[in-house]
Every structure is written in C-alpha cells, then in structure tokens.
Amino acid sequence: MKAYQFLITLDHVQPKVWRRVIVPATHDFYDLHSVIQTAVGWTNSHLFNFLIEDSINNRTIELVADEESVAENFEMVQHYMKNPPEEGSYAEKMYKRMIRKQLLLARDVDLTQHVNESPEFRYMYDFGDGWDHEVVLEKVIDDFDFDYPQVLEGKGTCPPEDVGGPPGYDEFKRVIKDKEDPEHTSMKSWAKSQGYQKFNLSKVNEHLKEEWEVICE
C-alpha cells in the first residue's frame, strides 16, 4: 500500500516533542488530524486547522472541521464577487484577504491533493493555547504493509491539555520539578486528571490500530 511518512514537531516547547508517523495515502486531512492527536498525545478536545501554502496559486489553504465556518466563508466570498466592495474600503481589504485564503473541510481533502506539491505545512491545535506543529513529508512509501497509521518513533511528552500554551507549560514544568512549591501536589493531581503521561510508542500504536479497526468496520 502507498503511504506517506511525516515528521511532526510541536514547536515552542522544550524538551523537544516530535513523532515520525506513516499514514496510508488513502487518508484525508481529517484522518491526519486524528493521527496527530493520538501520536502526540492530545485528547481532541479543541478546534484545529491545517495551513498549507499553495505557491502555485499564491494562496493559503486552511482546512478545518467546522462545516458552518466553511459555508459562511463561501457565502461571503460569493457576496463580494457579486457586489464588489468600494476600492480602498475596509470591505475591499477583507475581500482581498478572503480570496487569498481557501477555507475547506479537512474531511473533503485527501492527502494526495496537496502533500506532494506542499510537503511542509502547519497544524494548529487549540486556538486558545496555540499549539503549533510543523508537519513535513519525509518520503513516499510504495509498499507499506498496513492499512492503518503507525508511529515509527518519537520523543518528548505531550503537554497537558489547557495548561496555557507554551508559557503555561513552562510554569507547569517548574512547579512539577519543585517538590517544595506549594502548588506541586495540586498541579501533579491536575496533570494526572488531564491524562498527562510519558510517550509510550507501543501503546500509541495499539491505540491507532484500535481506532482504525473501528473506523473500517
């Protein structure tokens, strides 16, 4: 089976958090979102998007899961096309910004449509905390033995959900390391409730296999 090997790196955190994954080429970008969630260690509790730079058409492609946002964006573009805004107006600036970005449903876009032409793109998870991931296509595999995704290797523990982004995570790590800190015990308990745990390659791959077995049933 044809598949793609990606290197996924969570930016702006130390120690470095990265995962090397293989995803069947038959998957779409929503599938890739699900793979990243499981591989990195997130809980799929927040919104996400992919940002792909389409240099050929000089635009940014944004892939999301929210059907309503996609529909509203399409309606606004259609409105401006039928009713061109006044030159130099704020509405014209908004229109130009909108046509430079194509908003699509991640579920409707197959990996094959973009990863070869745009092998490096961004994945943002939780717009409040702002977890920014770099996704790089490392190679195309022609003879992948499985019909479900797998993680080849990785390092680094995923931050807890809702910790407050990179700055909050830095403070979290400081408190966790300092047993004398008055917030140490409560912070440790909170982290456990958030599912905070070390990266375990075999468990992650077990979860991925289980997830895709359910999807394929």
C-alpha atoms as a PDB file:
ATOM      1  CA  MET A   1       0.000   0.000   0.000  1.00  0.00           C
ATOM      2  CA  LYS A   2       1.201   3.510  -0.801  1.00  0.00           C
ATOM      3  CA  ALA A   3       1.794   5.659   2.282  1.00  0.00           C
ATOM      4  CA  TYR A   4       3.358   8.907   3.448  1.00  0.00           C
ATOM      5  CA  GLN A   5       5.995   9.285   6.138  1.00  0.00           C
ATOM      6  CA  PHE A   6       5.656  12.526   8.104  1.00  0.00           C
ATOM      7  CA  LEU A   7       7.777  14.148  10.784  1.00  0.00           C
ATOM      8  CA  ILE A   8       5.537  16.061  13.206  1.00  0.00           C
ATOM      9  CA  THR A   9       7.203  18.531  15.565  1.00  0.00           C
ATOM     10  CA  LEU A  10       5.489  20.545  18.288  1.00  0.00           C
ATOM     11  CA  ASP A  11       7.067  23.994  18.187  1.00  0.00           C
ATOM     12  CA  HIS A  12       7.952  26.344  21.061  1.00  0.00           C
ATOM     13  CA  VAL A  13       8.363  23.673  23.760  1.00  0.00           C
ATOM     14  CA  GLN A  14      11.349  22.130  25.482  1.00  0.00           C
ATOM     15  CA  PRO A  15      12.270  19.302  25.720  1.00  0.00           C
ATOM     16  CA  LYS A  16      11.506  18.802  22.059  1.00  0.00           C
ATOM     17  CA  VAL A  17       8.330  16.852  21.194  1.00  0.00           C
ATOM     18  CA  TRP A  18       8.295  15.036  17.851  1.00  0.00           C
ATOM     19  CA  ARG A  19       6.777  11.977  16.190  1.00  0.00           C
ATOM     20  CA  ARG A  20       7.627  10.163  12.961  1.00  0.00           C
ATOM     21  CA  VAL A  21       4.478   8.595  11.530  1.00  0.00           C
ATOM     22  CA  ILE A  22       3.370   6.642   8.479  1.00  0.00           C
ATOM     23  CA  VAL A  23      -0.118   7.320   7.118  1.00  0.00           C
ATOM     24  CA  PRO A  24      -1.753   5.432   4.230  1.00  0.00           C
ATOM     25  CA  ALA A  25      -2.101   7.631   1.138  1.00  0.00           C
ATOM     26  CA  THR A  26      -5.824   6.834   1.028  1.00  0.00           C
ATOM     27  CA  HIS A  27      -6.388   9.009   4.123  1.00  0.00           C
ATOM     28  CA  ASP A  28      -7.669  12.578   4.165  1.00  0.00           C
ATOM     29  CA  PHE A  29      -6.562  15.532   6.277  1.00  0.00           C
ATOM     30  CA  TYR A  30      -9.132  14.848   8.987  1.00  0.00           C
ATOM     31  CA  ASP A  31      -7.594  11.394   9.301  1.00  0.00           C
ATOM     32  CA  LEU A  32      -4.177  13.031   9.613  1.00  0.00           C
ATOM     33  CA  HIS A  33      -5.587  15.272  12.341  1.00  0.00           C
ATOM     34  CA  SER A  34      -6.744  12.164  14.226  1.00  0.00           C
ATOM     35  CA  VAL A  35      -3.339  10.538  13.795  1.00  0.00           C
ATOM     36  CA  ILE A  36      -1.552  13.614  15.154  1.00  0.00           C
ATOM     37  CA  GLN A  37      -3.890  13.749  18.149  1.00  0.00           C
ATOM     38  CA  THR A  38      -3.131  10.153  19.126  1.00  0.00           C
ATOM     39  CA  ALA A  39       0.544  10.173  18.162  1.00  0.00           C
ATOM     40  CA  VAL A  40       1.438  13.364  20.013  1.00  0.00           C
ATOM     41  CA  GLY A  41      -0.839  12.710  22.985  1.00  0.00           C
ATOM     42  CA  TRP A  42      -3.662  15.243  22.682  1.00  0.00           C
ATOM     43  CA  THR A  43      -7.276  14.433  23.574  1.00  0.00           C
ATOM     44  CA  ASN A  44      -9.116  16.026  20.626  1.00  0.00           C
ATOM     45  CA  SER A  45     -10.843  18.492  22.975  1.00  0.00           C
ATOM     46  CA  HIS A  46     -10.368  21.656  20.903  1.00  0.00           C
ATOM     47  CA  LEU A  47     -10.580  23.052  17.391  1.00  0.00           C
ATOM     48  CA  PHE A  48      -7.782  22.646  14.865  1.00  0.00           C
ATOM     49  CA  ASN A  49      -6.695  23.692  11.409  1.00  0.00           C
ATOM     50  CA  PHE A  50      -4.110  22.875   8.777  1.00  0.00           C
ATOM     51  CA  LEU A  51      -2.448  25.744   6.914  1.00  0.00           C
ATOM     52  CA  ILE A  52      -0.979  24.844   3.538  1.00  0.00           C
ATOM     53  CA  GLU A  53       0.813  27.400   1.387  1.00  0.00           C
ATOM     54  CA  ASP A  54      -0.196  26.980  -2.246  1.00  0.00           C
ATOM     55  CA  SER A  55       2.634  28.799  -4.015  1.00  0.00           C
ATOM     56  CA  ILE A  56       1.302  27.945  -7.483  1.00  0.00           C
ATOM     57  CA  ASN A  57      -1.940  29.869  -6.909  1.00  0.00           C
ATOM     58  CA  ASN A  58      -0.486  32.322  -4.363  1.00  0.00           C
ATOM     59  CA  ARG A  59      -2.954  31.439  -1.643  1.00  0.00           C
ATOM     60  CA  THR A  60      -3.203  29.761   1.743  1.00  0.00           C
ATOM     61  CA  ILE A  61      -5.405  26.701   2.079  1.00  0.00           C
ATOM     62  CA  GLU A  62      -6.970  26.363   5.534  1.00  0.00           C
ATOM     63  CA  LEU A  63      -8.519  23.006   6.408  1.00  0.00           C
ATOM     64  CA  VAL A  64     -10.950  22.797   9.326  1.00  0.00           C
ATOM     65  CA  ALA A  65     -13.648  20.514  10.756  1.00  0.00           C
ATOM     66  CA  ASP A  66     -16.340  23.186  11.145  1.00  0.00           C
ATOM     67  CA  GLU A  67     -18.861  22.916   8.299  1.00  0.00           C
ATOM     68  CA  GLU A  68     -20.638  26.121   9.353  1.00  0.00           C
ATOM     69  CA  SER A  69     -17.457  28.200   9.070  1.00  0.00           C
ATOM     70  CA  VAL A  70     -16.755  26.833   5.605  1.00  0.00           C
ATOM     71  CA  ALA A  71     -20.307  27.573   4.453  1.00  0.00           C
ATOM     72  CA  GLU A  72     -20.240  31.129   5.862  1.00  0.00           C
ATOM     73  CA  ASN A  73     -16.884  31.821   4.236  1.00  0.00           C
ATOM     74  CA  PHE A  74     -18.147  30.598   0.867  1.00  0.00           C
ATOM     75  CA  GLU A  75     -21.285  32.744   1.115  1.00  0.00           C
ATOM     76  CA  MET A  76     -19.258  35.861   1.944  1.00  0.00           C
ATOM     77  CA  VAL A  77     -16.898  35.325  -0.988  1.00  0.00           C
ATOM     78  CA  GLN A  78     -19.854  34.841  -3.314  1.00  0.00           C
ATOM     79  CA  HIS A  79     -21.480  38.006  -1.979  1.00  0.00           C
ATOM     80  CA  TYR A  80     -18.373  40.110  -2.589  1.00  0.00           C
ATOM     81  CA  MET A  81     -17.929  38.657  -6.071  1.00  0.00           C
ATOM     82  CA  LYS A  82     -21.476  39.700  -6.980  1.00  0.00           C
ATOM     83  CA  ASN A  83     -21.226  43.003  -5.134  1.00  0.00           C
ATOM     84  CA  PRO A  84     -17.615  44.265  -5.480  1.00  0.00           C
ATOM     85  CA  PRO A  85     -16.694  46.467  -2.496  1.00  0.00           C
ATOM     86  CA  GLU A  86     -15.630  50.066  -2.984  1.00  0.00           C
ATOM     87  CA  GLU A  87     -11.974  50.444  -3.917  1.00  0.00           C
ATOM     88  CA  GLY A  88      -9.847  51.361  -0.925  1.00  0.00           C
ATOM     89  CA  SER A  89     -12.568  50.477   1.577  1.00  0.00           C
ATOM     90  CA  TYR A  90     -12.226  48.182   4.589  1.00  0.00           C
ATOM     91  CA  ALA A  91     -14.607  45.747   2.857  1.00  0.00           C
ATOM     92  CA  GLU A  92     -12.235  45.555  -0.101  1.00  0.00           C
ATOM     93  CA  LYS A  93      -9.325  44.730   2.216  1.00  0.00           C
ATOM     94  CA  MET A  94     -11.413  41.976   3.810  1.00  0.00           C
ATOM     95  CA  TYR A  95     -12.373  40.621   0.401  1.00  0.00           C
ATOM     96  CA  LYS A  96      -8.771  40.523  -0.827  1.00  0.00           C
ATOM     97  CA  ARG A  97      -7.754  38.736   2.364  1.00  0.00           C
ATOM     98  CA  MET A  98     -10.555  36.203   1.938  1.00  0.00           C
ATOM     99  CA  ILE A  99      -9.744  35.322  -1.672  1.00  0.00           C
ATOM    100  CA  ARG A 100      -6.105  34.713  -0.733  1.00  0.00           C
ATOM    101  CA  LYS A 101      -7.280  32.007   1.676  1.00  0.00           C
ATOM    102  CA  GLN A 102      -9.344  28.990   0.676  1.00  0.00           C
ATOM    103  CA  LEU A 103     -11.296  27.515   3.582  1.00  0.00           C
ATOM    104  CA  LEU A 104     -12.186  23.843   3.148  1.00  0.00           C
ATOM    105  CA  LEU A 105     -13.333  20.897   5.225  1.00  0.00           C
ATOM    106  CA  ALA A 106     -10.420  18.683   6.211  1.00  0.00           C
ATOM    107  CA  ARG A 107     -12.623  15.635   5.645  1.00  0.00           C
ATOM    108  CA  ASP A 108     -13.122  16.610   1.986  1.00  0.00           C
ATOM    109  CA  VAL A 109      -9.436  16.943   1.106  1.00  0.00           C
ATOM    110  CA  ASP A 110      -7.311  13.856   0.504  1.00  0.00           C
ATOM    111  CA  LEU A 111      -3.641  13.876   1.426  1.00  0.00           C
ATOM    112  CA  THR A 112      -2.753  13.166  -2.193  1.00  0.00           C
ATOM    113  CA  GLN A 113      -4.208  16.527  -3.243  1.00  0.00           C
ATOM    114  CA  HIS A 114      -1.526  18.608  -1.525  1.00  0.00           C
ATOM    115  CA  VAL A 115       1.317  16.839   0.275  1.00  0.00           C
ATOM    116  CA  ASN A 116       3.415  16.221  -2.820  1.00  0.00           C
ATOM    117  CA  GLU A 117       3.246  19.849  -4.004  1.00  0.00           C
ATOM    118  CA  SER A 118       3.379  21.279  -0.445  1.00  0.00           C
ATOM    119  CA  PRO A 119       5.470  18.839   1.615  1.00  0.00           C
ATOM    120  CA  GLU A 120       5.761  21.239   4.571  1.00  0.00           C
ATOM    121  CA  PHE A 121       2.694  22.688   6.293  1.00  0.00           C
ATOM    122  CA  ARG A 122       1.328  23.692   9.703  1.00  0.00           C
ATOM    123  CA  TYR A 123      -1.126  22.050  12.076  1.00  0.00           C
ATOM    124  CA  MET A 124      -2.598  24.238  14.820  1.00  0.00           C
ATOM    125  CA  TYR A 125      -4.467  22.710  17.750  1.00  0.00           C
ATOM    126  CA  ASP A 126      -6.407  24.608  20.433  1.00  0.00           C
ATOM    127  CA  PHE A 127      -6.524  28.207  19.253  1.00  0.00           C
ATOM    128  CA  GLY A 128      -6.528  29.431  22.865  1.00  0.00           C
ATOM    129  CA  ASP A 129      -3.346  27.652  23.935  1.00  0.00           C
ATOM    130  CA  GLY A 130      -1.965  27.831  20.398  1.00  0.00           C
ATOM    131  CA  TRP A 131      -0.167  24.509  19.956  1.00  0.00           C
ATOM    132  CA  ASP A 132       1.668  24.938  16.655  1.00  0.00           C
ATOM    133  CA  HIS A 133       3.017  21.861  14.861  1.00  0.00           C
ATOM    134  CA  GLU A 134       5.288  21.626  11.846  1.00  0.00           C
ATOM    135  CA  VAL A 135       4.412  18.725   9.534  1.00  0.00           C
ATOM    136  CA  VAL A 136       6.998  17.625   6.975  1.00  0.00           C
ATOM    137  CA  LEU A 137       6.578  14.929   4.359  1.00  0.00           C
ATOM    138  CA  GLU A 138       9.843  12.980   4.553  1.00  0.00           C
ATOM    139  CA  LYS A 139       9.187  10.333   1.922  1.00  0.00           C
ATOM    140  CA  VAL A 140       6.626   8.367  -0.034  1.00  0.00           C
ATOM    141  CA  ILE A 141       6.460   4.642   0.728  1.00  0.00           C
ATOM    142  CA  ASP A 142       5.205   2.335  -2.020  1.00  0.00           C
ATOM    143  CA  ASP A 143       4.970  -0.909  -0.042  1.00  0.00           C
ATOM    144  CA  PHE A 144       3.546  -0.076   3.397  1.00  0.00           C
ATOM    145  CA  ASP A 145       2.353  -3.350   4.963  1.00  0.00           C
ATOM    146  CA  PHE A 146      -0.619  -1.984   6.937  1.00  0.00           C
ATOM    147  CA  ASP A 147      -3.914  -0.257   6.143  1.00  0.00           C
ATOM    148  CA  TYR A 148      -3.783   1.840   9.307  1.00  0.00           C
ATOM    149  CA  PRO A 149      -1.338   4.529  10.548  1.00  0.00           C
ATOM    150  CA  GLN A 150       1.719   3.753  12.649  1.00  0.00           C
ATOM    151  CA  VAL A 151       4.254   5.739  14.639  1.00  0.00           C
ATOM    152  CA  LEU A 152       7.823   4.711  13.839  1.00  0.00           C
ATOM    153  CA  GLU A 153       9.484   6.653  16.638  1.00  0.00           C
ATOM    154  CA  GLY A 154       9.234   9.780  18.727  1.00  0.00           C
ATOM    155  CA  LYS A 155      10.442  11.666  21.754  1.00  0.00           C
ATOM    156  CA  GLY A 156       9.057  14.095  24.265  1.00  0.00           C
ATOM    157  CA  THR A 157       5.993  14.180  26.494  1.00  0.00           C
ATOM    158  CA  CYS A 158       2.904  15.974  25.241  1.00  0.00           C
ATOM    159  CA  PRO A 159       1.923  18.970  27.419  1.00  0.00           C
ATOM    160  CA  PRO A 160      -1.313  18.654  29.408  1.00  0.00           C
ATOM    161  CA  GLU A 161      -4.480  19.987  27.796  1.00  0.00           C
ATOM    162  CA  ASP A 162      -5.483  23.515  28.877  1.00  0.00           C
ATOM    163  CA  VAL A 163      -2.137  24.233  30.532  1.00  0.00           C
ATOM    164  CA  GLY A 164      -1.969  27.692  28.946  1.00  0.00           C
ATOM    165  CA  GLY A 165       0.167  27.185  25.862  1.00  0.00           C
ATOM    166  CA  PRO A 166       3.990  27.220  25.870  1.00  0.00           C
ATOM    167  CA  PRO A 167       4.273  29.847  28.675  1.00  0.00           C
ATOM    168  CA  GLY A 168       1.845  27.918  30.873  1.00  0.00           C
ATOM    169  CA  TYR A 169       3.675  24.700  30.131  1.00  0.00           C
ATOM    170  CA  ASP A 170       6.977  26.242  31.223  1.00  0.00           C
ATOM    171  CA  GLU A 171       5.396  27.237  34.526  1.00  0.00           C
ATOM    172  CA  PHE A 172       3.824  23.800  34.866  1.00  0.00           C
ATOM    173  CA  LYS A 173       7.209  22.090  34.455  1.00  0.00           C
ATOM    174  CA  ARG A 174       8.785  24.417  37.012  1.00  0.00           C
ATOM    175  CA  VAL A 175       6.148  23.577  39.625  1.00  0.00           C
ATOM    176  CA  ILE A 176       6.235  19.839  38.896  1.00  0.00           C
ATOM    177  CA  LYS A 177      10.016  19.727  39.364  1.00  0.00           C
ATOM    178  CA  ASP A 178       9.918  21.684  42.633  1.00  0.00           C
ATOM    179  CA  LYS A 179       8.507  19.448  45.380  1.00  0.00           C
ATOM    180  CA  GLU A 180       8.717  22.366  47.787  1.00  0.00           C
ATOM    181  CA  ASP A 181       6.427  24.542  45.698  1.00  0.00           C
ATOM    182  CA  PRO A 182       3.046  24.989  47.444  1.00  0.00           C
ATOM    183  CA  GLU A 183       1.248  24.128  44.195  1.00  0.00           C
ATOM    184  CA  HIS A 184       3.267  20.991  43.472  1.00  0.00           C
ATOM    185  CA  THR A 185       0.779  18.433  44.820  1.00  0.00           C
ATOM    186  CA  SER A 186      -2.324  20.012  43.312  1.00  0.00           C
ATOM    187  CA  MET A 187      -0.566  20.558  39.979  1.00  0.00           C
ATOM    188  CA  LYS A 188       0.541  16.941  39.869  1.00  0.00           C
ATOM    189  CA  SER A 189      -3.003  15.773  40.608  1.00  0.00           C
ATOM    190  CA  TRP A 190      -4.423  18.089  37.950  1.00  0.00           C
ATOM    191  CA  ALA A 191      -1.934  16.828  35.373  1.00  0.00           C
ATOM    192  CA  LYS A 192      -2.983  13.238  36.062  1.00  0.00           C
ATOM    193  CA  SER A 193      -6.626  14.179  35.540  1.00  0.00           C
ATOM    194  CA  GLN A 194      -5.624  15.657  32.170  1.00  0.00           C
ATOM    195  CA  GLY A 195      -4.047  12.388  31.068  1.00  0.00           C
ATOM    196  CA  TYR A 196      -0.508  13.742  31.288  1.00  0.00           C
ATOM    197  CA  GLN A 197       1.881  10.818  30.765  1.00  0.00           C
ATOM    198  CA  LYS A 198       5.154   9.896  29.105  1.00  0.00           C
ATOM    199  CA  PHE A 199       5.179   8.950  25.448  1.00  0.00           C
ATOM    200  CA  ASN A 200       4.836   5.184  25.002  1.00  0.00           C
ATOM    201  CA  LEU A 201       5.399   4.018  21.429  1.00  0.00           C
ATOM    202  CA  SER A 202       3.776   0.591  21.737  1.00  0.00           C
ATOM    203  CA  LYS A 203       0.642   1.956  23.465  1.00  0.00           C
ATOM    204  CA  VAL A 204       0.235   4.694  20.876  1.00  0.00           C
ATOM    205  CA  ASN A 205       0.409   2.167  18.045  1.00  0.00           C
ATOM    206  CA  GLU A 206      -2.081  -0.076  19.826  1.00  0.00           C
ATOM    207  CA  HIS A 207      -4.478   2.869  20.053  1.00  0.00           C
ATOM    208  CA  LEU A 208      -4.017   3.744  16.376  1.00  0.00           C
ATOM    209  CA  LYS A 209      -4.725   0.173  15.303  1.00  0.00           C
ATOM    210  CA  GLU A 210      -7.842   0.054  17.501  1.00  0.00           C
ATOM    211  CA  GLU A 211      -9.084   3.408  16.190  1.00  0.00           C
ATOM    212  CA  TRP A 212      -8.788   2.407  12.548  1.00  0.00           C
ATOM    213  CA  GLU A 213     -10.256  -1.037  13.113  1.00  0.00           C
ATOM    214  CA  VAL A 214     -13.363   0.694  14.472  1.00  0.00           C
ATOM    215  CA  ILE A 215     -13.445   3.179  11.567  1.00  0.00           C
ATOM    216  CA  CYS A 216     -13.146   0.397   8.991  1.00  0.00           C
ATOM    217  CA  GLU A 217     -15.913  -1.754  10.491  1.00  0.00           C
END
